[in-house]
Every structure is written in C-alpha cells, then in structure tokens.
Amino acid sequence: MRDRQIWEETITEIDGVLTEAKKVTNFRRYFNWWLKTKEGQAVKEKLFIDQQGKCIKCNGLLQLSGANGVLVNHSEVHHLAPLALLQKYAEANPQIDLATLRVFVISYQYLRLVHPLCNKQLGEKIGDLPGLKFLKDFLQENTQKYD
C-alpha cells in the first residue's frame, strides 16, 4: 500500500514538472503573455514609432492602440525568428538553453509590426539578420520534416 502511494506521488510530481516544462517551451504562450505586459506594450509602441506607423511588408499605414489613444487591432507583431520554427528547434535540441531562444521571442531587434494579412503572407519566413543563421540552417537541414 505504501509503495503504491509513493508511486502515485512520484507520477503526480513528474506530471507537474512536465506541465511546467511545456509552459516554458511554449514560445507562443510566452509571447502572448509578454505582449500584455508594460514592457511588451512599450516595445510595440516603439516599433510603431520607429516604423513611422507603416507595415514592413506592404508599407501601408498601421494603427496601434495604447495609452496614447491610438487604435491597436490593425497591427500584429511579426517575428523575424518565427515562433513555430523556434518551437521546433527547441524540441529538436533539448539541450539548448531556453533563455537563449526566448531572446528571439521578445527582443525588439527581432520584431516588426505588420498588418494581420501581411503577417499571414510572411508566414514562417526568417528575417535576414546574422543572429538568425542558426534557424535558417536548421530549416534547411530539416526541410522535408516540416514541409
């Protein structure tokens, strides 16, 4: 009876650890949480200002909502290091330090504002920055796996 109780406690503990691990490696969930923070909103506003209110894909005007009263729903954040690809990379390389990859999820230099439709059209296109070469190499090495 005691062995059974220890076994069930161990299984429960393992399930808890796995649940937490999934939260940590779910880059989309992490980004969505971060975007709601003051820091996330400040980065989005800075992108809007630096891009002069224009979409990086079509150069059309964007709208951004925030404390200053501008409307937000007409823009989305495009990741130059696509979240789905980062997720696949993390899953294929379990030894990787996840904090290293999180930099690509929330860092200003890897984010751009676009229209929702433009974001869909860009899809998982990797930005042309030297720091993203590892993702381009990964995608090239695994093209057939993810097509």
C-alpha atoms as a PDB file:
ATOM      1  CA  MET A   1       0.000   0.000   0.000  1.00  0.00           C
ATOM      2  CA  ARG A   2       2.811   2.423   0.914  1.00  0.00           C
ATOM      3  CA  ASP A   3       4.653   1.640  -2.329  1.00  0.00           C
ATOM      4  CA  ARG A   4       1.509   2.435  -4.298  1.00  0.00           C
ATOM      5  CA  GLN A   5       1.184   5.830  -2.565  1.00  0.00           C
ATOM      6  CA  ILE A   6       4.845   6.680  -3.268  1.00  0.00           C
ATOM      7  CA  TRP A   7       4.380   5.645  -6.890  1.00  0.00           C
ATOM      8  CA  GLU A   8       1.285   7.861  -7.323  1.00  0.00           C
ATOM      9  CA  GLU A   9       3.043  10.816  -5.666  1.00  0.00           C
ATOM     10  CA  THR A  10       6.014  10.367  -7.985  1.00  0.00           C
ATOM     11  CA  ILE A  11       3.773  10.229 -11.062  1.00  0.00           C
ATOM     12  CA  THR A  12       1.938  13.368  -9.897  1.00  0.00           C
ATOM     13  CA  GLU A  13       5.247  15.160  -9.357  1.00  0.00           C
ATOM     14  CA  ILE A  14       6.513  14.127 -12.805  1.00  0.00           C
ATOM     15  CA  ASP A  15       3.269  15.301 -14.424  1.00  0.00           C
ATOM     16  CA  GLY A  16       3.680  18.668 -12.689  1.00  0.00           C
ATOM     17  CA  VAL A  17       7.258  19.042 -13.902  1.00  0.00           C
ATOM     18  CA  LEU A  18       6.266  18.140 -17.472  1.00  0.00           C
ATOM     19  CA  THR A  19       3.388  20.627 -17.387  1.00  0.00           C
ATOM     20  CA  GLU A  20       5.751  23.390 -16.239  1.00  0.00           C
ATOM     21  CA  ALA A  21       8.302  22.412 -18.889  1.00  0.00           C
ATOM     22  CA  LYS A  22       5.667  22.692 -21.610  1.00  0.00           C
ATOM     23  CA  LYS A  23       4.763  26.185 -20.387  1.00  0.00           C
ATOM     24  CA  VAL A  24       8.393  27.246 -20.529  1.00  0.00           C
ATOM     25  CA  THR A  25       8.968  25.905 -24.030  1.00  0.00           C
ATOM     26  CA  ASN A  26       5.703  27.181 -25.491  1.00  0.00           C
ATOM     27  CA  PHE A  27       7.054  30.312 -27.139  1.00  0.00           C
ATOM     28  CA  ARG A  28       3.677  31.487 -28.447  1.00  0.00           C
ATOM     29  CA  ARG A  29       2.139  31.356 -24.961  1.00  0.00           C
ATOM     30  CA  TYR A  30       5.178  33.123 -23.518  1.00  0.00           C
ATOM     31  CA  PHE A  31       4.999  35.857 -26.196  1.00  0.00           C
ATOM     32  CA  ASN A  32       1.250  36.385 -25.755  1.00  0.00           C
ATOM     33  CA  TRP A  33       1.763  36.797 -22.007  1.00  0.00           C
ATOM     34  CA  TRP A  34       4.719  39.166 -22.503  1.00  0.00           C
ATOM     35  CA  LEU A  35       2.895  41.298 -25.068  1.00  0.00           C
ATOM     36  CA  LYS A  36       0.265  42.162 -22.428  1.00  0.00           C
ATOM     37  CA  THR A  37       2.914  43.442 -20.011  1.00  0.00           C
ATOM     38  CA  LYS A  38       4.014  47.073 -19.833  1.00  0.00           C
ATOM     39  CA  GLU A  39       7.320  46.087 -21.408  1.00  0.00           C
ATOM     40  CA  GLY A  40       5.571  44.333 -24.299  1.00  0.00           C
ATOM     41  CA  GLN A  41       3.288  47.282 -24.966  1.00  0.00           C
ATOM     42  CA  ALA A  42       6.249  49.687 -24.795  1.00  0.00           C
ATOM     43  CA  VAL A  43       8.153  47.613 -27.374  1.00  0.00           C
ATOM     44  CA  LYS A  44       5.110  47.554 -29.663  1.00  0.00           C
ATOM     45  CA  GLU A  45       4.754  51.336 -29.381  1.00  0.00           C
ATOM     46  CA  LYS A  46       8.483  51.791 -30.088  1.00  0.00           C
ATOM     47  CA  LEU A  47       8.179  49.593 -33.183  1.00  0.00           C
ATOM     48  CA  PHE A  48       5.216  51.682 -34.339  1.00  0.00           C
ATOM     49  CA  ILE A  49       7.181  54.922 -33.919  1.00  0.00           C
ATOM     50  CA  ASP A  50      10.395  53.581 -35.470  1.00  0.00           C
ATOM     51  CA  GLN A  51       8.493  52.160 -38.455  1.00  0.00           C
ATOM     52  CA  GLN A  52       6.721  55.517 -38.812  1.00  0.00           C
ATOM     53  CA  GLY A  53       3.372  53.758 -38.474  1.00  0.00           C
ATOM     54  CA  LYS A  54       3.959  51.648 -41.596  1.00  0.00           C
ATOM     55  CA  CYS A  55       3.785  47.906 -42.216  1.00  0.00           C
ATOM     56  CA  ILE A  56       7.208  46.455 -43.040  1.00  0.00           C
ATOM     57  CA  LYS A  57       5.751  44.210 -45.752  1.00  0.00           C
ATOM     58  CA  CYS A  58       3.400  46.451 -47.753  1.00  0.00           C
ATOM     59  CA  ASN A  59       4.406  49.868 -46.412  1.00  0.00           C
ATOM     60  CA  GLY A  60       0.720  50.629 -45.723  1.00  0.00           C
ATOM     61  CA  LEU A  61      -0.354  52.601 -42.672  1.00  0.00           C
ATOM     62  CA  LEU A  62      -0.853  50.745 -39.407  1.00  0.00           C
ATOM     63  CA  GLN A  63      -2.932  51.625 -36.388  1.00  0.00           C
ATOM     64  CA  LEU A  64      -1.752  50.946 -32.884  1.00  0.00           C
ATOM     65  CA  SER A  65      -3.726  51.266 -29.678  1.00  0.00           C
ATOM     66  CA  GLY A  66      -2.210  52.149 -26.404  1.00  0.00           C
ATOM     67  CA  ALA A  67      -2.260  54.627 -23.583  1.00  0.00           C
ATOM     68  CA  ASN A  68      -1.930  57.475 -26.087  1.00  0.00           C
ATOM     69  CA  GLY A  69      -5.323  56.574 -27.593  1.00  0.00           C
ATOM     70  CA  VAL A  70      -4.184  55.163 -30.942  1.00  0.00           C
ATOM     71  CA  LEU A  71      -6.073  52.084 -32.188  1.00  0.00           C
ATOM     72  CA  VAL A  72      -4.204  48.694 -31.947  1.00  0.00           C
ATOM     73  CA  ASN A  73      -6.181  45.994 -33.735  1.00  0.00           C
ATOM     74  CA  HIS A  74      -4.862  46.856 -37.190  1.00  0.00           C
ATOM     75  CA  SER A  75      -1.340  45.607 -36.473  1.00  0.00           C
ATOM     76  CA  GLU A  76       0.338  42.398 -35.420  1.00  0.00           C
ATOM     77  CA  VAL A  77       3.856  41.646 -34.312  1.00  0.00           C
ATOM     78  CA  HIS A  78       5.828  39.644 -36.866  1.00  0.00           C
ATOM     79  CA  HIS A  79       8.730  37.604 -35.540  1.00  0.00           C
ATOM     80  CA  LEU A  80      11.846  37.569 -37.695  1.00  0.00           C
ATOM     81  CA  ALA A  81      12.567  34.311 -35.862  1.00  0.00           C
ATOM     82  CA  PRO A  82       9.166  32.599 -36.350  1.00  0.00           C
ATOM     83  CA  LEU A  83       7.745  31.190 -33.119  1.00  0.00           C
ATOM     84  CA  ALA A  84       6.704  27.879 -34.668  1.00  0.00           C
ATOM     85  CA  LEU A  85      10.211  27.352 -36.010  1.00  0.00           C
ATOM     86  CA  LEU A  86      11.784  28.300 -32.665  1.00  0.00           C
ATOM     87  CA  GLN A  87       9.466  25.763 -31.049  1.00  0.00           C
ATOM     88  CA  LYS A  88      10.575  23.035 -33.472  1.00  0.00           C
ATOM     89  CA  TYR A  89      14.218  23.977 -32.918  1.00  0.00           C
ATOM     90  CA  ALA A  90      13.821  23.756 -29.121  1.00  0.00           C
ATOM     91  CA  GLU A  91      12.103  20.373 -29.377  1.00  0.00           C
ATOM     92  CA  ALA A  92      14.824  19.032 -31.697  1.00  0.00           C
ATOM     93  CA  ASN A  93      17.599  20.351 -29.413  1.00  0.00           C
ATOM     94  CA  PRO A  94      16.537  19.578 -25.833  1.00  0.00           C
ATOM     95  CA  GLN A  95      19.999  20.506 -24.533  1.00  0.00           C
ATOM     96  CA  ILE A  96      19.571  24.144 -25.663  1.00  0.00           C
ATOM     97  CA  ASP A  97      19.259  26.855 -23.030  1.00  0.00           C
ATOM     98  CA  LEU A  98      15.665  28.069 -23.478  1.00  0.00           C
ATOM     99  CA  ALA A  99      16.518  31.526 -22.136  1.00  0.00           C
ATOM    100  CA  THR A 100      18.772  31.921 -25.176  1.00  0.00           C
ATOM    101  CA  LEU A 101      15.856  31.248 -27.503  1.00  0.00           C
ATOM    102  CA  ARG A 102      13.435  33.465 -25.558  1.00  0.00           C
ATOM    103  CA  VAL A 103      15.576  36.423 -26.620  1.00  0.00           C
ATOM    104  CA  PHE A 104      14.272  35.920 -30.163  1.00  0.00           C
ATOM    105  CA  VAL A 105      10.679  35.870 -28.895  1.00  0.00           C
ATOM    106  CA  ILE A 106      10.590  39.277 -27.180  1.00  0.00           C
ATOM    107  CA  SER A 107      13.638  41.292 -28.260  1.00  0.00           C
ATOM    108  CA  TYR A 108      12.963  44.489 -30.158  1.00  0.00           C
ATOM    109  CA  GLN A 109      15.518  43.775 -32.896  1.00  0.00           C
ATOM    110  CA  TYR A 110      13.717  40.531 -33.860  1.00  0.00           C
ATOM    111  CA  LEU A 111      10.202  42.008 -34.023  1.00  0.00           C
ATOM    112  CA  ARG A 112       8.351  44.086 -36.640  1.00  0.00           C
ATOM    113  CA  LEU A 113       4.804  45.413 -36.960  1.00  0.00           C
ATOM    114  CA  VAL A 114       2.689  44.313 -39.902  1.00  0.00           C
ATOM    115  CA  HIS A 115      -0.936  44.123 -40.969  1.00  0.00           C
ATOM    116  CA  PRO A 116      -2.651  40.855 -39.977  1.00  0.00           C
ATOM    117  CA  LEU A 117      -2.902  39.743 -43.635  1.00  0.00           C
ATOM    118  CA  CYS A 118       0.732  40.666 -44.286  1.00  0.00           C
ATOM    119  CA  ASN A 119       1.722  38.609 -41.245  1.00  0.00           C
ATOM    120  CA  LYS A 120      -0.093  35.575 -42.685  1.00  0.00           C
ATOM    121  CA  GLN A 121       1.625  36.094 -46.032  1.00  0.00           C
ATOM    122  CA  LEU A 122       5.054  36.285 -44.382  1.00  0.00           C
ATOM    123  CA  GLY A 123       4.319  33.072 -42.505  1.00  0.00           C
ATOM    124  CA  GLU A 124       7.464  31.373 -41.239  1.00  0.00           C
ATOM    125  CA  LYS A 125       9.841  33.462 -43.342  1.00  0.00           C
ATOM    126  CA  ILE A 126      13.043  34.010 -41.387  1.00  0.00           C
ATOM    127  CA  GLY A 127      14.356  37.565 -41.205  1.00  0.00           C
ATOM    128  CA  ASP A 128      17.662  38.431 -42.796  1.00  0.00           C
ATOM    129  CA  LEU A 129      19.713  39.044 -39.651  1.00  0.00           C
ATOM    130  CA  PRO A 130      23.067  37.381 -38.873  1.00  0.00           C
ATOM    131  CA  GLY A 131      21.786  36.208 -35.471  1.00  0.00           C
ATOM    132  CA  LEU A 132      19.141  34.078 -37.196  1.00  0.00           C
ATOM    133  CA  LYS A 133      21.516  31.990 -39.316  1.00  0.00           C
ATOM    134  CA  PHE A 134      21.086  29.037 -36.922  1.00  0.00           C
ATOM    135  CA  LEU A 135      17.354  28.945 -37.746  1.00  0.00           C
ATOM    136  CA  LYS A 136      17.957  29.134 -41.493  1.00  0.00           C
ATOM    137  CA  ASP A 137      20.452  26.280 -41.209  1.00  0.00           C
ATOM    138  CA  PHE A 138      18.015  24.278 -39.074  1.00  0.00           C
ATOM    139  CA  LEU A 139      15.205  24.803 -41.577  1.00  0.00           C
ATOM    140  CA  GLN A 140      17.449  23.837 -44.479  1.00  0.00           C
ATOM    141  CA  GLU A 141      18.627  20.682 -42.670  1.00  0.00           C
ATOM    142  CA  ASN A 142      15.055  19.692 -41.787  1.00  0.00           C
ATOM    143  CA  THR A 143      13.107  20.894 -44.826  1.00  0.00           C
ATOM    144  CA  GLN A 144      11.462  17.557 -45.542  1.00  0.00           C
ATOM    145  CA  LYS A 145      10.482  17.077 -41.894  1.00  0.00           C
ATOM    146  CA  TYR A 146       8.455  20.298 -41.761  1.00  0.00           C
ATOM    147  CA  ASP A 147       7.027  20.627 -45.268  1.00  0.00           C
END
